[in-house]
Protein backbone atom coordinates (compact mmCIF):
# COMPACT_ATOMS: atom_id res chain seq x y z
CA UNK A 1 0.08 -0.07 0.03
CA UNK A 2 0.89 3.48 -0.56
CA UNK A 3 0.54 5.81 2.43
CA UNK A 4 -0.74 9.57 1.78
CA UNK A 5 -1.05 11.96 4.14
CA UNK A 6 -1.23 8.93 7.15
CA UNK A 7 -3.47 7.21 4.98
CA UNK A 8 -2.83 4.06 3.37
CA UNK A 9 -4.26 3.47 -0.56
CA UNK A 10 -3.78 0.26 -2.27
CA UNK A 11 -1.65 0.15 -4.90
CA UNK A 12 -3.97 -1.16 -7.42
CA UNK A 13 -6.29 1.53 -6.64
CA UNK A 14 -3.93 4.28 -7.04
CA UNK A 15 -2.89 2.40 -10.17
CA UNK A 16 -6.35 2.60 -11.59
CA UNK A 17 -6.78 6.10 -10.46
CA UNK A 18 -4.11 7.28 -12.56
CA UNK A 19 -5.01 5.54 -15.50
CA UNK A 20 -8.85 6.82 -15.31
CA UNK A 21 -7.24 10.18 -15.02
CA UNK A 22 -5.13 9.80 -18.02
CA UNK A 23 -8.35 8.98 -20.09
CA UNK A 24 -10.70 11.40 -18.58
CA UNK A 25 -8.13 14.11 -20.06
CA UNK A 26 -8.02 11.95 -23.33
CA UNK A 27 -11.76 11.73 -23.38
CA UNK A 28 -11.87 15.59 -22.94
CA UNK A 29 -9.41 16.25 -25.77
CA UNK A 30 -11.39 13.84 -28.38
CA UNK A 31 -14.59 15.44 -27.21
CA UNK A 32 -13.09 19.28 -28.14
CA UNK A 33 -11.88 17.63 -31.77
CA UNK A 34 -15.03 15.85 -32.59
CA UNK A 35 -17.21 19.25 -31.71
CA UNK A 36 -14.56 21.57 -33.55
CA UNK A 37 -14.75 19.56 -36.52
CA UNK A 38 -18.35 19.43 -36.76
CA UNK A 39 -18.90 23.21 -36.59
CA UNK A 40 -15.86 24.07 -38.89
CA UNK A 41 -13.69 25.12 -36.02
CA UNK A 42 -9.76 25.25 -35.56
CA UNK A 43 -9.03 22.61 -32.93
CA UNK A 44 -6.16 24.62 -31.90
CA UNK A 45 -2.76 24.03 -29.77
CA UNK A 46 -3.91 21.83 -26.52
CA UNK A 47 -1.92 24.09 -24.63
CA UNK A 48 -4.71 26.93 -24.85
CA UNK A 49 -6.98 24.36 -23.28
CA UNK A 50 -4.61 22.59 -20.60
CA UNK A 51 -6.68 24.08 -17.40
CA UNK A 52 -10.19 23.20 -18.89
CA UNK A 53 -8.97 19.63 -19.76
CA UNK A 54 -7.45 19.27 -15.93
CA UNK A 55 -10.88 20.98 -14.89
CA UNK A 56 -12.95 18.52 -16.91
CA UNK A 57 -10.77 15.66 -15.34
CA UNK A 58 -10.23 16.57 -12.30
CA UNK A 59 -14.12 17.30 -11.55
CA UNK A 60 -15.30 13.93 -12.87
CA UNK A 61 -12.28 11.96 -10.66
CA UNK A 62 -13.41 13.53 -7.77
CA UNK A 63 -17.32 12.32 -8.61
CA UNK A 64 -15.57 8.88 -8.93
CA UNK A 65 -14.34 8.80 -5.60
CA UNK A 66 -17.27 10.48 -4.24
CA UNK A 67 -19.76 7.23 -5.28
CA UNK A 68 -17.36 4.80 -4.34
CA UNK A 69 -16.06 4.07 -8.02
CA UNK A 70 -12.81 3.12 -6.04
CA UNK A 71 -14.61 0.97 -3.50
CA UNK A 72 -14.11 -2.64 -2.85
CA UNK A 73 -17.39 -3.58 -4.42
CA UNK A 74 -17.00 -1.68 -7.57
CA UNK A 75 -13.42 -3.34 -7.85
CA UNK A 76 -14.84 -6.85 -7.82
CA UNK A 77 -18.21 -5.94 -10.04
CA UNK A 78 -18.44 -4.55 -12.98
CA UNK A 79 -21.99 -4.25 -13.14
CA UNK A 80 -21.61 -2.33 -9.77
CA UNK A 81 -18.88 -0.32 -10.85
CA UNK A 82 -20.93 0.47 -14.32
CA UNK A 83 -23.76 1.89 -12.51
CA UNK A 84 -21.19 4.10 -10.21
CA UNK A 85 -19.65 5.00 -12.96
CA UNK A 86 -22.56 6.41 -14.97
CA UNK A 87 -23.96 8.34 -11.77
CA UNK A 88 -20.41 9.77 -11.47
CA UNK A 89 -20.09 11.33 -14.63
CA UNK A 90 -23.58 12.59 -14.78
CA UNK A 91 -22.99 14.47 -11.61
CA UNK A 92 -19.75 16.01 -12.79
CA UNK A 93 -21.58 16.79 -16.09
CA UNK A 94 -23.87 18.65 -14.40
CA UNK A 95 -21.62 20.35 -11.76
CA UNK A 96 -19.19 21.48 -15.11
CA UNK A 97 -22.63 23.04 -16.78
CA UNK A 98 -22.92 24.71 -13.56
CA UNK A 99 -19.20 26.04 -14.01
CA UNK A 100 -19.93 27.03 -17.80
CA UNK A 101 -22.72 29.13 -16.59
CA UNK A 102 -21.21 30.90 -13.67
CA UNK A 103 -17.84 31.15 -15.86
CA UNK A 104 -18.53 31.71 -19.66
CA UNK A 105 -16.19 31.13 -21.96
CA UNK A 106 -13.97 30.15 -19.47
CA UNK A 107 -14.78 26.05 -19.49
CA UNK A 108 -15.98 23.47 -22.17
CA UNK A 109 -18.90 24.41 -24.27
CA UNK A 110 -21.74 22.51 -23.17
CA UNK A 111 -22.26 20.54 -26.37
CA UNK A 112 -18.80 19.65 -25.86
CA UNK A 113 -19.39 17.96 -22.47
CA UNK A 114 -22.27 15.71 -23.90
CA UNK A 115 -19.47 13.84 -26.20
CA UNK A 116 -17.24 13.85 -23.28
CA UNK A 117 -19.82 11.99 -20.94
CA UNK A 118 -20.26 9.10 -23.27
CA UNK A 119 -16.66 9.12 -24.39
CA UNK A 120 -15.65 9.01 -20.54
CA UNK A 121 -18.02 6.09 -19.97
CA UNK A 122 -17.10 4.04 -22.85
CA UNK A 123 -13.16 4.51 -21.95
CA UNK A 124 -13.51 4.28 -18.39
CA UNK A 125 -15.52 0.63 -18.43
CA UNK A 126 -12.94 -0.42 -20.89
CA UNK A 127 -10.49 0.59 -18.59
CA UNK A 128 -11.76 -1.79 -15.41
CA UNK A 129 -12.54 -4.57 -17.87
CA UNK A 130 -8.74 -4.66 -18.85
CA UNK A 131 -7.30 -3.35 -15.62
CA UNK A 132 -9.44 -3.99 -13.01
CA UNK A 133 -9.92 -7.77 -14.28
CA UNK A 134 -6.43 -8.20 -12.89
CA UNK A 135 -6.38 -5.76 -9.52
CA UNK A 136 -7.83 -9.29 -7.34
CA UNK A 137 -5.14 -11.30 -8.70
CA UNK A 138 -1.80 -12.17 -6.95
CA UNK A 139 -0.07 -9.42 -9.37
CA UNK A 140 -1.37 -6.74 -7.22
CA UNK A 141 -0.97 -8.61 -3.83
CA UNK A 142 1.52 -8.50 -1.29
CA UNK A 143 3.05 -11.67 -0.07
CA UNK A 144 2.98 -11.72 3.50
CA UNK A 145 4.62 -14.28 5.77
CA UNK A 146 2.85 -14.51 9.52
CA UNK A 147 5.02 -15.60 12.22
CA UNK A 148 2.39 -17.35 14.70
CA UNK A 149 -0.21 -20.14 14.45
CA UNK A 150 -3.00 -18.97 17.00
CA UNK A 151 -6.07 -17.18 17.21
CA UNK A 152 -4.37 -13.71 15.50
CA UNK A 153 -2.73 -15.82 12.55
CA UNK A 154 -6.25 -17.38 11.97
CA UNK A 155 -7.90 -13.71 11.77
CA UNK A 156 -4.99 -12.69 9.30
CA UNK A 157 -5.90 -15.78 7.24
CA UNK A 158 -9.33 -15.09 6.90
CA UNK A 159 -8.57 -11.28 5.76
CA UNK A 160 -6.46 -12.60 3.27
CA UNK A 161 -9.13 -14.74 1.73
CA UNK A 162 -11.20 -11.85 1.05
CA UNK A 163 -11.91 -10.78 -2.57
CA UNK A 164 -11.07 -7.60 -1.82
CA UNK A 165 -7.50 -8.15 0.27
CA UNK A 166 -4.76 -6.58 -0.66
CA UNK A 167 -2.16 -9.30 0.66
CA UNK A 168 -1.61 -13.04 0.32
CA UNK A 169 -0.46 -14.98 3.05
CA UNK A 170 2.40 -17.29 1.59
CA UNK A 171 3.02 -19.36 4.90
CA UNK A 172 2.84 -19.44 8.52
CA UNK A 173 5.41 -20.35 10.99
CA UNK A 174 4.63 -21.89 14.55
CA UNK A 175 6.52 -19.78 17.35
CA UNK A 176 5.90 -22.57 19.85
CA UNK A 177 3.79 -20.09 21.74
CA UNK A 178 1.27 -22.58 22.75
CA UNK A 179 -2.13 -24.11 21.16
CA UNK A 180 -1.40 -24.02 17.63
CA UNK A 181 -4.65 -23.26 15.83
CA UNK A 182 -3.54 -23.75 12.19
CA UNK A 183 -2.80 -27.09 11.27
CA UNK A 184 -0.77 -25.70 8.01
CA UNK A 185 2.00 -23.82 10.04
CA UNK A 186 5.47 -24.95 9.55
CA UNK A 187 7.26 -25.29 13.32
CA UNK A 188 10.03 -22.75 13.81
CA UNK A 189 12.04 -25.65 14.50
CA UNK A 190 12.23 -27.09 11.23
CA UNK A 191 13.51 -24.23 9.52
CA UNK A 192 17.55 -23.89 9.79
CA UNK A 193 17.40 -20.39 8.40
CA UNK A 194 14.37 -18.46 8.98
CA UNK A 195 15.73 -15.42 7.10
CA UNK A 196 16.97 -17.39 4.22
CA UNK A 197 13.36 -18.93 4.13
CA UNK A 198 11.68 -15.65 3.78
CA UNK A 199 14.00 -14.74 0.72
CA UNK A 200 13.25 -18.16 -0.69
CA UNK A 201 9.45 -17.63 -0.51
CA UNK A 202 9.41 -14.23 -2.09
CA UNK A 203 7.66 -12.62 1.02
CA UNK A 204 7.66 -8.94 0.76
CA UNK A 205 6.39 -8.56 4.41
CA UNK A 206 6.57 -10.63 7.68
CA UNK A 207 3.78 -9.83 10.32
CA UNK A 208 4.37 -11.03 14.00
CA UNK A 209 1.05 -12.67 15.13
CA UNK A 210 2.02 -14.20 18.37
CA UNK A 211 -0.46 -14.53 21.07
CA UNK A 212 1.50 -13.44 24.03
CA UNK A 213 4.65 -11.35 23.12
CA UNK A 214 6.02 -11.25 26.69
CA UNK A 215 9.58 -12.90 27.13
CA UNK A 216 8.84 -14.75 23.91
CA UNK A 217 9.34 -12.40 21.26
CA UNK A 218 11.76 -13.63 18.80
CA UNK A 219 14.17 -10.77 18.56
CA UNK A 220 17.19 -12.50 16.76
CA UNK A 221 14.81 -14.11 14.07
CA UNK A 222 13.44 -10.36 13.30
CA UNK A 223 16.80 -9.01 13.54
CA UNK A 224 17.72 -11.42 10.36
CA UNK A 225 14.74 -10.64 8.66
CA UNK A 226 15.07 -7.17 9.14
CA UNK A 227 18.58 -7.06 7.57
CA UNK A 228 17.37 -9.31 4.41
CA UNK A 229 15.36 -6.42 3.42
CA UNK A 230 12.08 -7.63 4.15
CA UNK A 231 9.71 -5.10 6.49
CA UNK A 232 8.71 -6.25 9.41
CA UNK A 233 5.18 -5.27 10.87
CA UNK A 234 3.43 -6.02 14.15
CA UNK A 235 -0.42 -7.26 14.24
CA UNK A 236 -1.91 -4.04 15.69
CA UNK A 237 -0.28 -2.30 13.05
CA UNK A 238 -1.08 -4.40 10.14
CA UNK A 239 -4.72 -4.41 11.10
CA UNK A 240 -5.03 -1.04 11.16
CA UNK A 241 -3.33 -0.47 7.66
CA UNK A 242 -5.40 -3.41 6.23
CA UNK A 243 -8.74 -2.26 7.85
CA UNK A 244 -8.91 1.38 8.04
CA UNK A 245 -9.56 0.94 11.95
CA UNK A 246 -7.99 0.19 15.13
CA UNK A 247 -8.31 -3.20 16.47
CA UNK A 248 -9.79 -3.42 19.59
CA UNK A 249 -9.12 -6.94 20.76
CA UNK A 250 -5.46 -6.63 20.36
CA UNK A 251 -5.13 -2.84 21.29
CA UNK A 252 -2.93 -1.92 24.30
CA UNK A 253 -1.45 1.39 25.83
CA UNK A 254 2.10 0.82 24.61
CA UNK A 255 1.03 0.48 20.95
CA UNK A 256 -0.83 3.82 21.16
CA UNK A 257 1.82 6.17 22.46
CA UNK A 258 4.80 4.50 20.36
CA UNK A 259 2.73 4.03 17.26
CA UNK A 260 2.90 6.78 14.74
CA UNK A 261 -0.21 8.86 15.36
CA UNK A 262 -1.58 12.05 17.33
CA UNK A 263 1.23 14.33 16.17
CA UNK A 264 2.15 17.74 17.22
CA UNK A 265 1.58 18.71 13.16
CA UNK A 266 -2.27 18.64 13.57
CA UNK A 267 -1.76 21.97 14.99
CA UNK A 268 -1.98 23.43 11.73
CA UNK A 269 -4.41 20.63 10.49
CA UNK A 270 -6.77 21.81 13.11
CA UNK A 271 -6.83 25.58 11.96
CA UNK A 272 -7.16 24.46 8.58
CA UNK A 273 -9.93 22.32 9.47
CA UNK A 274 -11.45 25.60 11.07
CA UNK A 275 -10.96 27.84 8.37
CA UNK A 276 -12.82 25.11 6.08
CA UNK A 277 -15.68 24.48 9.03
CA UNK A 278 -16.24 28.45 9.06
CA UNK A 279 -16.22 29.01 5.14
CA UNK A 280 -17.97 26.14 3.98
CA UNK A 281 -20.94 26.24 6.92
CA UNK A 282 -21.59 29.75 6.20
CA UNK A 283 -22.29 29.14 2.28
CA UNK A 284 -24.08 26.27 3.09
CA UNK A 285 -26.22 27.49 5.58
CA UNK A 286 -26.85 30.50 3.16
CA UNK A 287 -27.74 28.05 0.53
CA UNK A 288 -30.01 25.76 2.57
CA UNK A 289 -32.06 28.14 4.64
CA UNK A 290 -34.85 27.91 2.24
CA UNK A 291 -35.03 24.03 2.43
CA UNK A 292 -34.46 24.29 6.54
CA UNK A 293 -37.36 26.52 6.71
CA UNK A 294 -40.02 24.27 3.78
CA UNK A 295 -39.15 21.54 6.14
CA UNK A 296 -39.48 22.82 9.26
CA UNK A 297 -42.84 23.80 7.93
CA UNK A 298 -43.47 20.48 6.94
CA UNK A 299 -42.63 19.03 10.34
CA UNK A 300 -45.09 21.12 11.94
CA UNK A 301 -47.70 20.12 10.00
CA UNK A 302 -46.93 16.40 9.96
CA UNK A 303 -47.21 16.09 13.51
CA UNK A 304 -47.62 18.03 17.18
CA UNK A 305 -44.79 19.45 18.31
CA UNK A 306 -41.58 21.74 17.60
CA UNK A 307 -40.08 21.72 14.13
CA UNK A 308 -36.73 21.21 15.49
CA UNK A 309 -35.09 19.03 18.01
CA UNK A 310 -32.53 19.55 20.61
CA UNK A 311 -30.56 17.75 22.53
CA UNK A 312 -27.28 17.53 24.70
CA UNK A 313 -24.45 15.62 23.58
CA UNK A 314 -20.76 15.00 24.65
CA UNK A 315 -18.03 17.32 22.59
CA UNK A 316 -14.64 17.79 22.36
CA UNK A 317 -13.04 16.61 25.60
CA UNK A 318 -15.93 15.10 26.96
CA UNK A 319 -17.64 18.53 27.26
CA UNK A 320 -21.22 18.92 26.68
CA UNK A 321 -23.29 20.76 24.06
CA UNK A 322 -26.50 21.16 22.16
CA UNK A 323 -27.33 19.69 18.74
CA UNK A 324 -30.12 20.97 16.46
CA UNK A 325 -31.70 18.84 14.32
CA UNK A 326 -35.03 18.84 12.57
CA UNK A 327 -37.49 16.68 14.44
CA UNK A 328 -37.95 12.83 12.86
CA UNK A 329 -39.44 11.22 15.81
CA UNK A 330 -42.42 11.84 17.95
CA UNK A 331 -42.26 14.30 20.79
CA UNK A 332 -42.33 11.63 23.72
CA UNK A 333 -40.08 9.59 21.66
CA UNK A 334 -37.24 9.78 24.77
CA UNK A 335 -40.47 9.86 27.32
CA UNK A 336 -38.54 7.05 29.16
CA UNK A 337 -34.87 8.14 28.17
CA UNK A 338 -32.43 7.87 25.42
CA UNK A 339 -32.49 4.79 23.56
CA UNK A 340 -30.90 2.88 20.59
CA UNK A 341 -32.83 3.97 17.29
CA UNK A 342 -34.36 0.44 15.74
CA UNK A 343 -35.22 -0.57 12.24
CA UNK A 344 -38.10 0.28 11.43
CA UNK A 345 -38.46 2.52 14.81
CA UNK A 346 -41.91 3.11 15.50
CA UNK A 347 -41.14 6.79 16.77
CA UNK A 348 -40.43 7.94 13.91
CA UNK A 349 -42.89 10.01 11.93
CA UNK A 350 -43.90 9.58 8.54
CA UNK A 351 -42.09 12.95 7.37
CA UNK A 352 -38.99 11.41 9.85
CA UNK A 353 -38.47 8.57 7.69
CA UNK A 354 -37.90 10.74 4.56
CA UNK A 355 -35.79 13.27 6.17
CA UNK A 356 -33.71 10.96 7.81
CA UNK A 357 -33.19 8.97 4.50
CA UNK A 358 -31.70 11.67 2.69
CA UNK A 359 -29.89 13.29 5.78
CA UNK A 360 -32.33 16.42 5.44
CA UNK A 361 -32.70 16.33 9.36
CA UNK A 362 -28.70 16.87 9.95
CA UNK A 363 -28.40 20.57 8.12
CA UNK A 364 -29.35 22.45 11.19
CA UNK A 365 -26.33 20.85 12.91
CA UNK A 366 -24.22 23.23 10.49
CA UNK A 367 -25.13 26.14 12.87
CA UNK A 368 -23.13 24.17 15.54
CA UNK A 369 -20.29 23.64 13.05
CA UNK A 370 -20.13 27.26 12.48
CA UNK A 371 -20.24 27.99 16.20
CA UNK A 372 -17.27 25.93 16.66
CA UNK A 373 -19.06 22.90 18.86
CA UNK A 374 -18.29 20.38 15.96
CA UNK A 375 -16.96 19.96 12.54
CA UNK A 376 -18.03 18.99 9.55
CA UNK A 377 -15.75 15.65 9.81
CA UNK A 378 -15.27 13.81 13.28
CA UNK A 379 -17.01 10.98 15.62
CA UNK A 380 -20.47 11.08 15.59
CA UNK A 381 -21.39 12.97 19.14
CA UNK A 382 -23.66 10.92 21.43
CA UNK A 383 -25.69 11.66 24.16
CA UNK A 384 -24.37 11.69 28.05
CA UNK A 385 -26.05 8.70 28.98
CA UNK A 386 -24.69 6.25 26.14
CA UNK A 387 -21.28 7.84 26.40
CA UNK A 388 -21.16 6.78 30.49
CA UNK A 389 -22.05 3.60 29.91
CA UNK A 390 -19.90 2.63 26.52
CA UNK A 391 -16.98 4.31 28.50
CA UNK A 392 -17.60 1.34 31.17
CA UNK A 393 -18.14 -1.19 28.76
CA UNK A 394 -15.82 -0.13 25.92
CA UNK A 395 -11.91 0.49 26.26
CA UNK A 396 -10.20 3.68 24.94
CA UNK A 397 -14.10 4.74 24.34
CA UNK A 398 -12.91 8.18 25.98
CA UNK A 399 -10.19 8.50 23.46
CA UNK A 400 -12.96 9.47 20.79
CA UNK A 401 -13.49 12.82 22.13
CA UNK A 402 -10.06 13.97 21.84
CA UNK A 403 -10.98 15.49 18.42
CA UNK A 404 -14.25 17.63 17.74
CA UNK A 405 -17.27 15.57 16.85
CA UNK A 406 -18.73 16.06 13.50
CA UNK A 407 -22.17 15.58 11.25
CA UNK A 408 -20.26 12.85 8.97
CA UNK A 409 -17.23 10.29 10.09
CA UNK A 410 -14.96 7.67 8.74
CA UNK A 411 -17.07 5.44 11.06
CA UNK A 412 -20.08 6.60 9.09
CA UNK A 413 -18.87 5.90 5.69
CA UNK A 414 -17.45 3.05 6.66
CA UNK A 415 -20.14 1.09 8.87
CA UNK A 416 -23.77 0.49 8.09
CA UNK A 417 -26.17 2.43 10.83
CA UNK A 418 -25.66 0.48 14.31
CA UNK A 419 -27.77 0.68 17.39
CA UNK A 420 -25.80 -1.38 19.58
CA UNK A 421 -23.02 -1.93 22.33
CA UNK A 422 -21.56 -4.39 19.45
CA UNK A 423 -22.10 -1.47 16.59
CA UNK A 424 -20.83 1.33 19.10
CA UNK A 425 -17.53 -1.18 19.36
CA UNK A 426 -16.88 -1.52 15.53
CA UNK A 427 -17.66 2.11 15.03
CA UNK A 428 -14.75 2.94 17.92
CA UNK A 429 -12.66 1.40 15.84
CA UNK A 430 -12.86 3.29 12.80
CA UNK A 431 -13.17 6.40 15.20
CA UNK A 432 -9.69 5.82 16.74
CA UNK A 433 -8.44 5.65 13.36
CA UNK A 434 -9.59 8.91 12.69
CA UNK A 435 -8.29 10.35 15.73
CA UNK A 436 -5.06 9.12 15.17
CA UNK A 437 -4.44 9.58 11.67
CA UNK A 438 -6.87 12.49 10.63
CA UNK A 439 -5.15 14.94 8.38
CA UNK A 440 -6.97 17.45 5.84
CA UNK A 441 -6.62 14.79 3.11
CA UNK A 442 -8.44 12.20 4.82
CA UNK A 443 -11.41 15.11 6.00
CA UNK A 444 -11.49 15.75 1.75
CA UNK A 445 -11.65 11.59 1.65
CA UNK A 446 -14.48 11.65 4.07
CA UNK A 447 -16.36 14.15 2.49
CA UNK A 448 -16.30 13.09 -0.80
CA UNK A 449 -17.52 9.73 0.40
CA UNK A 450 -20.44 11.07 2.28
CA UNK A 451 -21.97 11.60 -1.05
CA UNK A 452 -22.23 7.78 -1.50
CA UNK A 453 -23.80 7.45 2.02
CA UNK A 454 -26.75 10.09 0.86
CA UNK A 455 -26.98 8.47 -2.67
CA UNK A 456 -27.31 4.81 -1.16
CA UNK A 457 -28.60 5.51 2.42
CA UNK A 458 -27.62 2.10 3.62
CA UNK A 459 -28.80 1.48 7.29
CA UNK A 460 -30.44 4.67 7.51
CA UNK A 461 -32.56 4.65 10.65
């Protein structure tokens, strides 16, 4: 994987993304030639429209990221990828048409965009048929050797067998650590020179997956492997990289302390984040105020009670604050105290089902972002009773409050809506990853991917 601004991107995805960008520039240039030929105009040097081509390719590419064309499902299914590509190109053409209207003469002719749209879809589909067909093959998978044969090694085996996995386990080595779960593991005593063995099987990485490392860390073996030029990784760091979340089952304080993350450089990132929050929330409030007012009126007409719902949530450093949303439940929904939302929750009103599904009920929270109590991106803020309960049941839950809560977040785009302690545990793993690694780049990626969640509201309640 390639680490870009603390976030890992699979080599296959990066390669496919670069090919897509080149093809999009080609589609834009071809569309320009076709339209110029039709109207008898001079094509002109490509340097004169380099900015237009970059704008076209960039907008379409960002739309592709936003709707999930580089996700695991899109990489495995041509049908899934084709549908997402069609949506991405259509949305980007609409956006480019708006830009053309706002900045006349500075972008593509709208007639040219029509040709570019069909050319882009054809080229991108062909790209996935040619390049995407080999993404899941061993050519793009790292060869990993696992030191260990217990439950952790078994988890790595299951992870490697997923279709979207970016690595393949070439061998398991039993390190005399107790009960051996994997029968195929080779006993350490059967290998004379572990460094030479790693070299012979072509492993590019070795993962330490011992169940108990105290007084059993094979330092001599690890040193020999390292000096052979092979990357050595511990289980927790490997899982974080491959899954995009912090594994709570194996997490310990020393790993959090000594691993990369929570750096002082985030002061600059926090400043940039706040500037973006103020600018974007102010603009968004101005644009959506009529929509908020309209649905506030509809909420009043649909059911008895106030149009807006106010609730205390836990924010940065555990400090309480008030969040505002359009009311989507009956006024007596929390008469007996705060409860988890349920599937087909009877407390949700008729209109509430719709505004929850398309996330319109979240729009008033933009005011909380403007006032600085929330951010656009961050862990979802919970109510104090839930926080108190979850801090007792889940280790490291309080650490998610080290970053400002958000309207959308890494957990929200990666995990379906959950309403239980186990779901909260899974989301906590994603929240800890975000708190540990957040940068403006990761925030941008989350904001783009939020469009996918809005368009395909999986698990909305």
